[in-house]
Amino acid sequence: MLYFINKHSAPLLMVAGIIGFIFPNVSKPLFPALPFILFFLMLFTLLGIKQEQLIKQLMRGSV
């Protein structure tokens, strides 16, 4: 499940944003839960990236 979320999170997030702008009444009930949703999306993103490779790239002078 984590692999699926990590692989498809960017397109799903864009689609969810577009749907939220087109149908604001549908997205309105989700506003109270939005901080939790964003937290877990960021957590899954951080878990899905190659952290060791990221740190090596950040330590270099030019990224």
PDB file of N, CA and C in Angstrom:
ATOM      1  N   MET A   1       0.820  -1.188   0.000  1.00  0.00           N
ATOM      2  CA  MET A   1       0.000   0.000   0.000  1.00  0.00           C
ATOM      3  C   MET A   1       0.869   1.259   0.000  1.00  0.00           C
ATOM      4  N   LEU A   2       1.956   1.244   0.784  1.00  0.00           N
ATOM      5  CA  LEU A   2       2.856   2.392   0.831  1.00  0.00           C
ATOM      6  C   LEU A   2       3.479   2.644  -0.534  1.00  0.00           C
ATOM      7  N   TYR A   3       3.838   1.569  -1.251  1.00  0.00           N
ATOM      8  CA  TYR A   3       4.403   1.717  -2.587  1.00  0.00           C
ATOM      9  C   TYR A   3       3.400   2.374  -3.527  1.00  0.00           C
ATOM     10  N   PHE A   4       2.133   1.951  -3.457  1.00  0.00           N
ATOM     11  CA  PHE A   4       1.094   2.521  -4.307  1.00  0.00           C
ATOM     12  C   PHE A   4       0.905   4.004  -4.019  1.00  0.00           C
ATOM     13  N   ILE A   5       0.839   4.355  -2.729  1.00  0.00           N
ATOM     14  CA  ILE A   5       0.653   5.759  -2.353  1.00  0.00           C
ATOM     15  C   ILE A   5       1.842   6.589  -2.808  1.00  0.00           C
ATOM     16  N   ASN A   6       3.039   6.054  -2.619  1.00  0.00           N
ATOM     17  CA  ASN A   6       4.239   6.786  -3.006  1.00  0.00           C
ATOM     18  C   ASN A   6       4.313   6.979  -4.516  1.00  0.00           C
ATOM     19  N   LYS A   7       3.945   5.960  -5.265  1.00  0.00           N
ATOM     20  CA  LYS A   7       4.042   6.025  -6.725  1.00  0.00           C
ATOM     21  C   LYS A   7       2.985   6.945  -7.336  1.00  0.00           C
ATOM     22  N   HIS A   8       1.798   6.955  -6.781  1.00  0.00           N
ATOM     23  CA  HIS A   8       0.685   7.666  -7.403  1.00  0.00           C
ATOM     24  C   HIS A   8       0.241   8.909  -6.630  1.00  0.00           C
ATOM     25  N   SER A   9       0.983   9.337  -5.610  1.00  0.00           N
ATOM     26  CA  SER A   9       0.499  10.437  -4.780  1.00  0.00           C
ATOM     27  C   SER A   9       0.468  11.770  -5.522  1.00  0.00           C
ATOM     28  N   ALA A  10       1.465  12.051  -6.364  1.00  0.00           N
ATOM     29  CA  ALA A  10       1.486  13.344  -7.062  1.00  0.00           C
ATOM     30  C   ALA A  10       0.305  13.502  -8.023  1.00  0.00           C
ATOM     31  N   PRO A  11       0.049  12.534  -8.912  1.00  0.00           N
ATOM     32  CA  PRO A  11      -1.123  12.697  -9.790  1.00  0.00           C
ATOM     33  C   PRO A  11      -2.442  12.720  -9.026  1.00  0.00           C
ATOM     34  N   LEU A  12      -2.559  11.887  -7.998  1.00  0.00           N
ATOM     35  CA  LEU A  12      -3.796  11.886  -7.215  1.00  0.00           C
ATOM     36  C   LEU A  12      -4.000  13.209  -6.496  1.00  0.00           C
ATOM     37  N   LEU A  13      -2.916  13.807  -6.025  1.00  0.00           N
ATOM     38  CA  LEU A  13      -3.014  15.096  -5.342  1.00  0.00           C
ATOM     39  C   LEU A  13      -3.462  16.187  -6.317  1.00  0.00           C
ATOM     40  N   MET A  14      -2.949  16.156  -7.548  1.00  0.00           N
ATOM     41  CA  MET A  14      -3.369  17.142  -8.555  1.00  0.00           C
ATOM     42  C   MET A  14      -4.841  16.964  -8.913  1.00  0.00           C
ATOM     43  N   VAL A  15      -5.263  15.716  -9.084  1.00  0.00           N
ATOM     44  CA  VAL A  15      -6.669  15.445  -9.404  1.00  0.00           C
ATOM     45  C   VAL A  15      -7.563  15.888  -8.254  1.00  0.00           C
ATOM     46  N   ALA A  16      -7.143  15.611  -7.018  1.00  0.00           N
ATOM     47  CA  ALA A  16      -7.934  16.023  -5.863  1.00  0.00           C
ATOM     48  C   ALA A  16      -8.031  17.549  -5.785  1.00  0.00           C
ATOM     49  N   GLY A  17      -6.961  18.258  -6.120  1.00  0.00           N
ATOM     50  CA  GLY A  17      -7.000  19.720  -6.125  1.00  0.00           C
ATOM     51  C   GLY A  17      -7.959  20.268  -7.163  1.00  0.00           C
ATOM     52  N   ILE A  18      -7.932  19.684  -8.345  1.00  0.00           N
ATOM     53  CA  ILE A  18      -8.837  20.122  -9.410  1.00  0.00           C
ATOM     54  C   ILE A  18     -10.288  19.851  -9.029  1.00  0.00           C
ATOM     55  N   ILE A  19     -10.549  18.665  -8.492  1.00  0.00           N
ATOM     56  CA  ILE A  19     -11.916  18.333  -8.063  1.00  0.00           C
ATOM     57  C   ILE A  19     -12.366  19.274  -6.952  1.00  0.00           C
ATOM     58  N   GLY A  20     -11.432  19.632  -6.048  1.00  0.00           N
ATOM     59  CA  GLY A  20     -11.772  20.554  -4.968  1.00  0.00           C
ATOM     60  C   GLY A  20     -12.143  21.938  -5.468  1.00  0.00           C
ATOM     61  N   PHE A  21     -11.487  22.386  -6.543  1.00  0.00           N
ATOM     62  CA  PHE A  21     -11.840  23.693  -7.103  1.00  0.00           C
ATOM     63  C   PHE A  21     -13.139  23.641  -7.899  1.00  0.00           C
ATOM     64  N   ILE A  22     -13.391  22.535  -8.574  1.00  0.00           N
ATOM     65  CA  ILE A  22     -14.609  22.422  -9.375  1.00  0.00           C
ATOM     66  C   ILE A  22     -15.832  22.213  -8.480  1.00  0.00           C
ATOM     67  N   PHE A  23     -15.689  21.378  -7.450  1.00  0.00           N
ATOM     68  CA  PHE A  23     -16.797  21.058  -6.548  1.00  0.00           C
ATOM     69  C   PHE A  23     -16.433  21.458  -5.111  1.00  0.00           C
ATOM     70  N   PRO A  24     -16.498  22.744  -4.782  1.00  0.00           N
ATOM     71  CA  PRO A  24     -16.088  23.164  -3.434  1.00  0.00           C
ATOM     72  C   PRO A  24     -16.969  22.599  -2.319  1.00  0.00           C
ATOM     73  N   ASN A  25     -18.227  22.301  -2.614  1.00  0.00           N
ATOM     74  CA  ASN A  25     -19.107  21.746  -1.577  1.00  0.00           C
ATOM     75  C   ASN A  25     -18.695  20.334  -1.180  1.00  0.00           C
ATOM     76  N   VAL A  26     -18.071  19.611  -2.104  1.00  0.00           N
ATOM     77  CA  VAL A  26     -17.605  18.256  -1.804  1.00  0.00           C
ATOM     78  C   VAL A  26     -16.364  18.319  -0.922  1.00  0.00           C
ATOM     79  N   SER A  27     -15.493  19.294  -1.161  1.00  0.00           N
ATOM     80  CA  SER A  27     -14.243  19.370  -0.413  1.00  0.00           C
ATOM     81  C   SER A  27     -14.412  20.052   0.947  1.00  0.00           C
ATOM     82  N   LYS A  28     -15.496  20.781   1.135  1.00  0.00           N
ATOM     83  CA  LYS A  28     -15.689  21.519   2.387  1.00  0.00           C
ATOM     84  C   LYS A  28     -15.694  20.621   3.630  1.00  0.00           C
ATOM     85  N   PRO A  29     -16.316  19.443   3.614  1.00  0.00           N
ATOM     86  CA  PRO A  29     -16.266  18.585   4.815  1.00  0.00           C
ATOM     87  C   PRO A  29     -14.864  18.051   5.133  1.00  0.00           C
ATOM     88  N   LEU A  30     -13.964  18.056   4.170  1.00  0.00           N
ATOM     89  CA  LEU A  30     -12.608  17.540   4.397  1.00  0.00           C
ATOM     90  C   LEU A  30     -11.679  18.562   5.031  1.00  0.00           C
ATOM     91  N   PHE A  31     -12.066  19.834   5.073  1.00  0.00           N
ATOM     92  CA  PHE A  31     -11.181  20.870   5.616  1.00  0.00           C
ATOM     93  C   PHE A  31     -10.726  20.609   7.052  1.00  0.00           C
ATOM     94  N   PRO A  32     -11.584  20.137   7.963  1.00  0.00           N
ATOM     95  CA  PRO A  32     -11.089  19.867   9.318  1.00  0.00           C
ATOM     96  C   PRO A  32     -10.013  18.777   9.358  1.00  0.00           C
ATOM     97  N   ALA A  33     -10.055  17.824   8.427  1.00  0.00           N
ATOM     98  CA  ALA A  33      -9.081  16.726   8.412  1.00  0.00           C
ATOM     99  C   ALA A  33      -7.876  17.031   7.529  1.00  0.00           C
ATOM    100  N   LEU A  34      -7.861  18.173   6.873  1.00  0.00           N
ATOM    101  CA  LEU A  34      -6.791  18.483   5.927  1.00  0.00           C
ATOM    102  C   LEU A  34      -5.390  18.479   6.545  1.00  0.00           C
ATOM    103  N   PRO A  35      -5.171  19.025   7.735  1.00  0.00           N
ATOM    104  CA  PRO A  35      -3.813  18.950   8.308  1.00  0.00           C
ATOM    105  C   PRO A  35      -3.327  17.517   8.498  1.00  0.00           C
ATOM    106  N   PHE A  36      -4.220  16.609   8.889  1.00  0.00           N
ATOM    107  CA  PHE A  36      -3.830  15.215   9.072  1.00  0.00           C
ATOM    108  C   PHE A  36      -3.499  14.561   7.736  1.00  0.00           C
ATOM    109  N   ILE A  37      -4.308  14.866   6.726  1.00  0.00           N
ATOM    110  CA  ILE A  37      -4.065  14.304   5.390  1.00  0.00           C
ATOM    111  C   ILE A  37      -2.727  14.787   4.852  1.00  0.00           C
ATOM    112  N   LEU A  38      -2.451  16.069   4.978  1.00  0.00           N
ATOM    113  CA  LEU A  38      -1.185  16.618   4.488  1.00  0.00           C
ATOM    114  C   LEU A  38       0.000  16.068   5.265  1.00  0.00           C
ATOM    115  N   PHE A  39      -0.151  15.878   6.572  1.00  0.00           N
ATOM    116  CA  PHE A  39       0.925  15.307   7.374  1.00  0.00           C
ATOM    117  C   PHE A  39       1.282  13.907   6.892  1.00  0.00           C
ATOM    118  N   PHE A  40       0.273  13.070   6.680  1.00  0.00           N
ATOM    119  CA  PHE A  40       0.560  11.707   6.255  1.00  0.00           C
ATOM    120  C   PHE A  40       1.078  11.641   4.827  1.00  0.00           C
ATOM    121  N   LEU A  41       0.623  12.537   3.948  1.00  0.00           N
ATOM    122  CA  LEU A  41       1.194  12.583   2.600  1.00  0.00           C
ATOM    123  C   LEU A  41       2.678  12.937   2.649  1.00  0.00           C
ATOM    124  N   MET A  42       3.040  13.910   3.491  1.00  0.00           N
ATOM    125  CA  MET A  42       4.445  14.278   3.628  1.00  0.00           C
ATOM    126  C   MET A  42       5.243  13.143   4.257  1.00  0.00           C
ATOM    127  N   LEU A  43       4.663  12.473   5.250  1.00  0.00           N
ATOM    128  CA  LEU A  43       5.350  11.350   5.886  1.00  0.00           C
ATOM    129  C   LEU A  43       5.625  10.243   4.885  1.00  0.00           C
ATOM    130  N   PHE A  44       4.630   9.887   4.080  1.00  0.00           N
ATOM    131  CA  PHE A  44       4.824   8.833   3.089  1.00  0.00           C
ATOM    132  C   PHE A  44       5.828   9.254   2.024  1.00  0.00           C
ATOM    133  N   THR A  45       5.851  10.537   1.692  1.00  0.00           N
ATOM    134  CA  THR A  45       6.836  11.032   0.732  1.00  0.00           C
ATOM    135  C   THR A  45       8.239  10.893   1.293  1.00  0.00           C
ATOM    136  N   LEU A  46       8.433  11.278   2.549  1.00  0.00           N
ATOM    137  CA  LEU A  46       9.750  11.175   3.171  1.00  0.00           C
ATOM    138  C   LEU A  46      10.187   9.729   3.350  1.00  0.00           C
ATOM    139  N   LEU A  47       9.253   8.844   3.628  1.00  0.00           N
ATOM    140  CA  LEU A  47       9.594   7.432   3.760  1.00  0.00           C
ATOM    141  C   LEU A  47       9.919   6.803   2.413  1.00  0.00           C
ATOM    142  N   GLY A  48       9.337   7.333   1.353  1.00  0.00           N
ATOM    143  CA  GLY A  48       9.515   6.737   0.039  1.00  0.00           C
ATOM    144  C   GLY A  48      10.781   7.166  -0.687  1.00  0.00           C
ATOM    145  N   ILE A  49      11.385   8.283  -0.299  1.00  0.00           N
ATOM    146  CA  ILE A  49      12.578   8.741  -1.000  1.00  0.00           C
ATOM    147  C   ILE A  49      13.810   8.032  -0.462  1.00  0.00           C
ATOM    148  N   LYS A  50      14.846   8.013  -1.263  1.00  0.00           N
ATOM    149  CA  LYS A  50      16.115   7.425  -0.841  1.00  0.00           C
ATOM    150  C   LYS A  50      16.857   8.473  -0.028  1.00  0.00           C
ATOM    151  N   GLN A  51      16.741   8.358   1.285  1.00  0.00           N
ATOM    152  CA  GLN A  51      17.241   9.398   2.177  1.00  0.00           C
ATOM    153  C   GLN A  51      18.760   9.496   2.154  1.00  0.00           C
ATOM    154  N   GLU A  52      19.446   8.367   2.061  1.00  0.00           N
ATOM    155  CA  GLU A  52      20.906   8.407   2.031  1.00  0.00           C
ATOM    156  C   GLU A  52      21.410   9.144   0.796  1.00  0.00           C
ATOM    157  N   GLN A  53      20.784   8.882  -0.340  1.00  0.00           N
ATOM    158  CA  GLN A  53      21.167   9.561  -1.576  1.00  0.00           C
ATOM    159  C   GLN A  53      20.832  11.052  -1.500  1.00  0.00           C
ATOM    160  N   LEU A  54      19.715  11.397  -0.890  1.00  0.00           N
ATOM    161  CA  LEU A  54      19.339  12.801  -0.735  1.00  0.00           C
ATOM    162  C   LEU A  54      20.357  13.553   0.121  1.00  0.00           C
ATOM    163  N   ILE A  55      20.785  12.944   1.218  1.00  0.00           N
ATOM    164  CA  ILE A  55      21.761  13.598   2.097  1.00  0.00           C
ATOM    165  C   ILE A  55      23.087  13.798   1.372  1.00  0.00           C
ATOM    166  N   LYS A  56      23.514  12.816   0.586  1.00  0.00           N
ATOM    167  CA  LYS A  56      24.756  12.959  -0.187  1.00  0.00           C
ATOM    168  C   LYS A  56      24.649  14.107  -1.185  1.00  0.00           C
ATOM    169  N   GLN A  57      23.496  14.232  -1.836  1.00  0.00           N
ATOM    170  CA  GLN A  57      23.290  15.303  -2.799  1.00  0.00           C
ATOM    171  C   GLN A  57      23.264  16.668  -2.116  1.00  0.00           C
ATOM    172  N   LEU A  58      22.669  16.731  -0.933  1.00  0.00           N
ATOM    173  CA  LEU A  58      22.603  17.996  -0.214  1.00  0.00           C
ATOM    174  C   LEU A  58      23.973  18.418   0.321  1.00  0.00           C
ATOM    175  N   MET A  59      24.837  17.471   0.605  1.00  0.00           N
ATOM    176  CA  MET A  59      26.155  17.789   1.122  1.00  0.00           C
ATOM    177  C   MET A  59      27.085  18.324   0.026  1.00  0.00           C
ATOM    178  N   ARG A  60      26.766  18.036  -1.215  1.00  0.00           N
ATOM    179  CA  ARG A  60      27.561  18.563  -2.317  1.00  0.00           C
ATOM    180  C   ARG A  60      27.329  20.062  -2.449  1.00  0.00           C
ATOM    181  N   GLY A  61      28.273  20.724  -3.074  1.00  0.00           N
ATOM    182  CA  GLY A  61      28.178  22.181  -3.210  1.00  0.00           C
ATOM    183  C   GLY A  61      27.023  22.626  -4.098  1.00  0.00           C
ATOM    184  N   SER A  62      26.795  21.915  -5.185  1.00  0.00           N
ATOM    185  CA  SER A  62      25.708  22.286  -6.097  1.00  0.00           C
ATOM    186  C   SER A  62      24.707  21.127  -6.144  1.00  0.00           C
ATOM    187  N   VAL A  63      23.474  21.458  -5.936  1.00  0.00           N
ATOM    188  CA  VAL A  63      22.430  20.431  -5.927  1.00  0.00           C
ATOM    189  C   VAL A  63      21.719  20.443  -7.239  1.00  0.00           C
TER     190      VAL A  63
END
